[in-house]
Amino acid sequence: MTQMLSTVDIAACPEHNAGHRRANTAATTYLKRGELDQALACFVAALSAKQNFPPALYGIGETFAKRTPSGFEMARESYELSLKHWPEFVDANIALGDLWADRGDRTRAEMYYESATKTRPKDALAWDALARNRIDDGRLDQALEAYDTAIDSVENEVPGLYFSRGRAQLLRGDFEACAEDASRALKTASQFGQAYHLLAVCSLKLSGPNAPSTNDLETYFRQATQLEPEFADHFLDFARFVYDDDHARESEGRQIIEMGLEGDLEDGERTKLEDGLSKFNEYVTSTKASRDEL
């Protein structure tokens, strides 16, 4: 690693002579913009100003983690070095967990996530990372245990924890608990579009006295699209709900998806929405054919 970093031209960093903190801050800015080479130059400049500076080592790891799979070894070594010089560095533990999880090694990932929760038991992100790893590993009950512990441990209510626990409840098939967690998230974050979407999806599965009205469900779906229009599922699920509620609302359902396509979407979400529009049209055609057969 030392040999590789010695080839980095720190002069490419405008803050290379401004001290380790300013260089590190500049590097973080470049990293957020996706300018990895410029970020690396500034992180190395920070290390040149202060040897073994843990945030800079961590940052170097981030630049290589974004180049995976080719950057895996450099990212791993950088994160491990940052932990060596700052054993309580929770972000580095989480990053190492993410690195191994991306390679499918859930066991090794869990080791780092658990270390993060033990180092800082009130850190919501550490608990969420541990729980998500268990979900991806198919251990829903253990994931829910992690969320329960997190909610009890974190001092202030964190809406993201309730939302994430609700998603785990959805996967488990406990729709009532899912709806309750989504509602709890919205109590402290009323503009949380994803929580509205989760509330709609789970409430749609409810029956009996706890089932919301059609108007309530439509409100939940609509709020999700308005508050966080960057998610394709918000529009696709809303469109499907509208059409299933009344087949005469076919054009309205299609317009909902088209409205989503007019927004500023990341490429992956746009593709998902475009594919979803095609599938919506296929679904409409199939239901019409079924009705004609009757």
Protein backbone atom coordinates (compact mmCIF):
# COMPACT_ATOMS: atom_id res chain seq x y z
CA MET A 1 0.00 0.00 0.00
CA THR A 2 2.80 2.42 0.93
CA GLN A 3 4.45 1.86 -2.41
CA MET A 4 1.24 2.49 -4.29
CA LEU A 5 0.43 5.69 -2.37
CA SER A 6 3.93 7.00 -2.98
CA THR A 7 3.05 7.28 -6.67
CA VAL A 8 0.11 9.61 -5.96
CA ASP A 9 0.78 13.23 -6.93
CA ILE A 10 -0.41 15.20 -3.91
CA ALA A 11 0.11 18.43 -5.85
CA ALA A 12 -3.13 17.54 -7.64
CA CYS A 13 -4.86 18.48 -4.39
CA PRO A 14 -5.38 22.27 -4.11
CA GLU A 15 -5.14 21.99 -0.31
CA HIS A 16 -2.01 19.84 -0.19
CA ASN A 17 -0.05 22.52 1.72
CA ALA A 18 -2.94 23.60 3.99
CA GLY A 19 -2.54 21.01 6.75
CA HIS A 20 -4.01 17.57 7.31
CA ARG A 21 -7.50 18.66 8.31
CA ARG A 22 -8.12 20.98 5.38
CA ALA A 23 -6.70 18.46 2.95
CA ASN A 24 -8.93 15.77 4.44
CA THR A 25 -12.00 18.02 4.24
CA ALA A 26 -11.26 18.79 0.59
CA ALA A 27 -10.82 15.06 -0.10
CA THR A 28 -14.21 14.29 1.42
CA THR A 29 -15.82 16.89 -0.83
CA TYR A 30 -14.23 15.38 -3.92
CA LEU A 31 -15.27 11.91 -2.80
CA LYS A 32 -18.92 12.97 -2.55
CA ARG A 33 -18.71 14.32 -6.09
CA GLY A 34 -17.30 11.02 -7.34
CA GLU A 35 -13.95 12.59 -8.25
CA LEU A 36 -11.94 9.66 -6.92
CA ASP A 37 -8.47 10.57 -8.20
CA GLN A 38 -8.69 14.10 -6.79
CA ALA A 39 -10.03 12.73 -3.51
CA LEU A 40 -7.18 10.23 -3.27
CA ALA A 41 -4.61 12.97 -3.86
CA CYS A 42 -6.05 15.02 -1.00
CA PHE A 43 -6.31 12.07 1.39
CA VAL A 44 -2.66 11.20 0.68
CA ALA A 45 -1.77 14.87 1.20
CA ALA A 46 -3.46 14.70 4.61
CA LEU A 47 -1.36 11.63 5.46
CA SER A 48 1.77 13.44 4.35
CA ALA A 49 0.93 16.25 6.76
CA LYS A 50 0.03 13.88 9.60
CA GLN A 51 1.23 10.31 9.48
CA ASN A 52 -1.36 7.57 10.13
CA PHE A 53 -4.22 10.07 10.40
CA PRO A 54 -7.18 7.63 10.74
CA PRO A 55 -9.82 9.68 8.85
CA ALA A 56 -7.45 9.99 5.88
CA LEU A 57 -6.70 6.25 5.93
CA TYR A 58 -10.43 5.60 6.04
CA GLY A 59 -10.97 8.03 3.17
CA ILE A 60 -8.35 6.27 1.06
CA GLY A 61 -10.28 3.08 1.70
CA GLU A 62 -13.45 4.77 0.47
CA THR A 63 -11.83 5.80 -2.81
CA PHE A 64 -10.74 2.23 -3.47
CA ALA A 65 -13.98 0.64 -2.25
CA LYS A 66 -15.75 2.56 -5.00
CA ARG A 67 -13.45 0.89 -7.53
CA THR A 68 -14.38 -2.65 -6.53
CA PRO A 69 -13.65 -5.38 -7.32
CA SER A 70 -10.22 -4.14 -8.37
CA GLY A 71 -9.89 -1.90 -5.32
CA PHE A 72 -10.88 -4.46 -2.70
CA GLU A 73 -7.44 -5.21 -1.26
CA MET A 74 -6.39 -1.57 -1.05
CA ALA A 75 -9.71 -0.64 0.54
CA ARG A 76 -9.44 -3.46 3.08
CA GLU A 77 -5.88 -2.57 4.03
CA SER A 78 -6.74 1.13 4.36
CA TYR A 79 -9.74 0.49 6.59
CA GLU A 80 -7.76 -1.94 8.74
CA LEU A 81 -4.96 0.61 9.17
CA SER A 82 -7.44 3.29 10.22
CA LEU A 83 -8.79 0.89 12.86
CA LYS A 84 -5.26 0.04 14.01
CA HIS A 85 -4.60 3.69 14.76
CA TRP A 86 -8.11 4.39 16.07
CA PRO A 87 -9.71 1.18 17.43
CA GLU A 88 -12.94 3.04 18.29
CA PHE A 89 -13.47 4.19 14.70
CA VAL A 90 -17.00 2.87 14.14
CA ASP A 91 -17.23 4.00 10.51
CA ALA A 92 -14.20 1.90 9.62
CA ASN A 93 -15.77 -1.17 11.22
CA ILE A 94 -18.96 -0.62 9.25
CA ALA A 95 -17.00 -0.04 6.04
CA LEU A 96 -15.10 -3.30 6.49
CA GLY A 97 -18.38 -5.06 7.13
CA ASP A 98 -19.82 -3.60 3.93
CA LEU A 99 -16.71 -4.60 2.01
CA TRP A 100 -17.00 -8.23 3.05
CA ALA A 101 -20.79 -8.28 2.68
CA ASP A 102 -20.43 -7.13 -0.93
CA ARG A 103 -18.23 -10.17 -1.52
CA GLY A 104 -20.86 -12.44 0.02
CA ASP A 105 -18.94 -13.18 3.21
CA ARG A 106 -21.77 -12.52 5.68
CA THR A 107 -19.94 -14.16 8.58
CA ARG A 108 -16.91 -11.90 8.36
CA ALA A 109 -19.15 -8.89 7.72
CA GLU A 110 -21.11 -9.64 10.89
CA MET A 111 -17.90 -9.70 12.92
CA TYR A 112 -17.19 -6.08 11.97
CA TYR A 113 -20.77 -4.94 12.38
CA GLU A 114 -20.95 -6.47 15.85
CA SER A 115 -17.67 -4.79 16.73
CA ALA A 116 -19.20 -1.46 15.70
CA THR A 117 -22.25 -1.98 17.94
CA LYS A 118 -20.06 -2.97 20.87
CA THR A 119 -17.74 0.00 20.36
CA ARG A 120 -20.65 2.43 20.17
CA PRO A 121 -23.89 0.78 21.36
CA LYS A 122 -25.88 3.96 20.79
CA ASP A 123 -24.94 4.24 17.12
CA ALA A 124 -28.05 3.68 14.98
CA LEU A 125 -26.09 3.11 11.75
CA ALA A 126 -24.03 0.34 13.33
CA TRP A 127 -27.14 -1.51 14.48
CA ASP A 128 -28.85 -1.03 11.13
CA ALA A 129 -25.82 -2.44 9.31
CA LEU A 130 -25.81 -5.50 11.58
CA ALA A 131 -29.54 -6.07 11.10
CA ARG A 132 -29.38 -5.61 7.32
CA ASN A 133 -26.61 -8.19 7.11
CA ARG A 134 -28.82 -10.66 8.97
CA ILE A 135 -31.75 -9.90 6.66
CA ASP A 136 -29.61 -10.50 3.59
CA ASP A 137 -28.47 -13.75 5.20
CA GLY A 138 -32.09 -14.85 5.69
CA ARG A 139 -32.00 -14.54 9.49
CA LEU A 140 -35.08 -12.35 9.96
CA ASP A 141 -35.68 -13.18 13.62
CA GLN A 142 -32.11 -12.25 14.53
CA ALA A 143 -32.42 -9.08 12.46
CA LEU A 144 -35.53 -8.09 14.40
CA GLU A 145 -33.68 -8.77 17.66
CA ALA A 146 -30.95 -6.37 16.52
CA TYR A 147 -33.51 -3.68 15.70
CA ASP A 148 -35.24 -4.18 19.06
CA THR A 149 -31.92 -3.77 20.87
CA ALA A 150 -31.06 -0.73 18.77
CA ILE A 151 -34.34 1.02 19.52
CA ASP A 152 -33.85 0.35 23.22
CA SER A 153 -30.22 1.49 23.15
CA VAL A 154 -30.29 4.63 21.03
CA GLU A 155 -31.19 7.62 23.18
CA ASN A 156 -33.37 9.57 20.75
CA GLU A 157 -36.02 8.04 18.53
CA VAL A 158 -34.52 7.36 15.12
CA PRO A 159 -37.22 7.07 12.44
CA GLY A 160 -34.89 5.09 10.18
CA LEU A 161 -34.69 2.28 12.74
CA TYR A 162 -38.48 1.94 12.90
CA PHE A 163 -38.66 2.07 9.11
CA SER A 164 -35.99 -0.63 8.73
CA ARG A 165 -37.60 -2.83 11.38
CA GLY A 166 -40.89 -2.39 9.53
CA ARG A 167 -39.29 -3.62 6.32
CA ALA A 168 -38.04 -6.68 8.18
CA GLN A 169 -41.56 -7.25 9.51
CA LEU A 170 -42.86 -7.04 5.93
CA LEU A 171 -40.44 -9.75 4.83
CA ARG A 172 -41.53 -11.83 7.79
CA GLY A 173 -45.19 -11.44 6.84
CA ASP A 174 -46.21 -9.55 9.98
CA PHE A 175 -48.09 -6.77 8.19
CA GLU A 176 -49.66 -5.27 11.27
CA ALA A 177 -46.30 -4.86 13.00
CA CYS A 178 -44.90 -3.45 9.75
CA ALA A 179 -47.66 -0.82 9.56
CA GLU A 180 -47.12 0.08 13.21
CA ASP A 181 -43.39 0.63 12.68
CA ALA A 182 -44.02 2.73 9.56
CA SER A 183 -46.47 4.87 11.53
CA ARG A 184 -43.96 5.22 14.35
CA ALA A 185 -41.33 6.42 11.89
CA LEU A 186 -43.74 9.03 10.56
CA LYS A 187 -44.46 10.37 14.03
CA THR A 188 -40.92 11.74 14.25
CA ALA A 189 -40.33 12.27 10.50
CA SER A 190 -43.55 13.43 8.89
CA GLN A 191 -41.85 14.03 5.50
CA PHE A 192 -40.46 10.48 5.28
CA GLY A 193 -41.73 9.35 1.88
CA GLN A 194 -40.35 5.83 2.13
CA ALA A 195 -42.17 5.35 5.40
CA TYR A 196 -45.44 6.38 3.74
CA HIS A 197 -44.77 3.85 0.99
CA LEU A 198 -44.07 1.12 3.54
CA LEU A 199 -47.22 2.07 5.46
CA ALA A 200 -49.25 1.79 2.25
CA VAL A 201 -47.77 -1.56 1.20
CA CYS A 202 -48.24 -3.15 4.62
CA SER A 203 -51.65 -1.62 5.30
CA LEU A 204 -52.86 -2.94 1.96
CA LYS A 205 -52.33 -6.45 3.36
CA LEU A 206 -54.47 -5.84 6.44
CA SER A 207 -58.06 -6.97 6.83
CA GLY A 208 -60.74 -6.54 9.46
CA PRO A 209 -61.02 -3.61 11.85
CA ASN A 210 -57.36 -2.64 11.47
CA ALA A 211 -57.59 -2.23 7.71
CA PRO A 212 -57.44 1.39 6.52
CA SER A 213 -59.93 2.84 4.08
CA THR A 214 -59.22 3.06 0.36
CA ASN A 215 -58.91 6.82 0.72
CA ASP A 216 -56.29 6.42 3.45
CA LEU A 217 -54.29 3.99 1.34
CA GLU A 218 -54.39 6.34 -1.62
CA THR A 219 -53.18 9.16 0.62
CA TYR A 220 -50.23 7.06 1.82
CA PHE A 221 -49.21 6.14 -1.74
CA ARG A 222 -49.61 9.70 -2.98
CA GLN A 223 -47.54 11.10 -0.12
CA ALA A 224 -44.72 8.70 -0.96
CA THR A 225 -44.58 9.91 -4.58
CA GLN A 226 -44.74 13.56 -3.60
CA LEU A 227 -42.23 13.49 -0.74
CA GLU A 228 -39.64 11.17 -2.30
CA PRO A 229 -40.19 10.99 -6.06
CA GLU A 230 -36.74 9.52 -6.65
CA PHE A 231 -37.94 5.97 -5.97
CA ALA A 232 -39.54 4.05 -8.85
CA ASP A 233 -41.46 1.70 -6.55
CA HIS A 234 -43.41 4.62 -5.12
CA PHE A 235 -44.99 5.29 -8.52
CA LEU A 236 -45.28 1.68 -9.67
CA ASP A 237 -47.05 0.48 -6.54
CA PHE A 238 -49.33 3.52 -6.52
CA ALA A 239 -50.30 2.91 -10.15
CA ARG A 240 -51.03 -0.76 -9.50
CA PHE A 241 -53.12 0.13 -6.44
CA VAL A 242 -55.19 2.66 -8.41
CA TYR A 243 -55.86 0.20 -11.22
CA ASP A 244 -56.66 -2.72 -8.92
CA ASP A 245 -59.05 -0.50 -6.97
CA ASP A 246 -60.99 0.36 -10.13
CA HIS A 247 -60.09 -0.85 -13.61
CA ALA A 248 -61.77 2.25 -15.01
CA ARG A 249 -58.78 4.20 -13.56
CA GLU A 250 -56.39 2.57 -16.03
CA SER A 251 -55.30 5.85 -17.62
CA GLU A 252 -54.79 7.41 -14.19
CA GLY A 253 -52.49 4.56 -13.20
CA ARG A 254 -50.47 5.02 -16.37
CA GLN A 255 -50.26 8.78 -15.78
CA ILE A 256 -48.85 8.17 -12.31
CA ILE A 257 -45.93 6.22 -13.79
CA GLU A 258 -45.42 8.77 -16.55
CA MET A 259 -45.34 11.53 -13.92
CA GLY A 260 -42.53 9.66 -12.18
CA LEU A 261 -40.59 9.48 -15.45
CA GLU A 262 -40.74 13.26 -15.74
CA GLY A 263 -38.70 13.59 -12.52
CA ASP A 264 -34.96 13.72 -11.96
CA LEU A 265 -34.15 10.03 -11.52
CA GLU A 266 -30.94 8.09 -11.25
CA ASP A 267 -30.34 5.80 -14.21
CA GLY A 268 -31.22 2.64 -12.29
CA GLU A 269 -34.51 4.04 -11.01
CA ARG A 270 -35.43 5.40 -14.45
CA THR A 271 -34.83 2.00 -16.04
CA LYS A 272 -36.89 0.35 -13.32
CA LEU A 273 -39.74 2.79 -13.92
CA GLU A 274 -39.61 2.33 -17.69
CA ASP A 275 -39.69 -1.45 -17.28
CA GLY A 276 -42.48 -1.03 -14.77
CA LEU A 277 -44.57 0.93 -17.26
CA SER A 278 -44.24 -1.91 -19.78
CA LYS A 279 -45.22 -4.46 -17.14
CA PHE A 280 -48.16 -2.30 -16.06
CA ASN A 281 -49.42 -2.25 -19.65
CA GLU A 282 -48.98 -6.03 -19.88
CA TYR A 283 -50.88 -6.46 -16.62
CA VAL A 284 -53.74 -4.30 -17.87
CA THR A 285 -53.89 -6.30 -21.10
CA SER A 286 -53.93 -9.62 -19.24
CA THR A 287 -56.72 -8.54 -16.87
CA LYS A 288 -58.79 -7.31 -19.82
CA ALA A 289 -58.30 -10.67 -21.56
CA SER A 290 -59.37 -12.49 -18.39
CA ARG A 291 -62.52 -10.38 -18.13
CA ASP A 292 -63.34 -10.99 -21.80
CA GLU A 293 -63.11 -14.75 -21.27
CA LEU A 294 -65.69 -14.46 -18.51
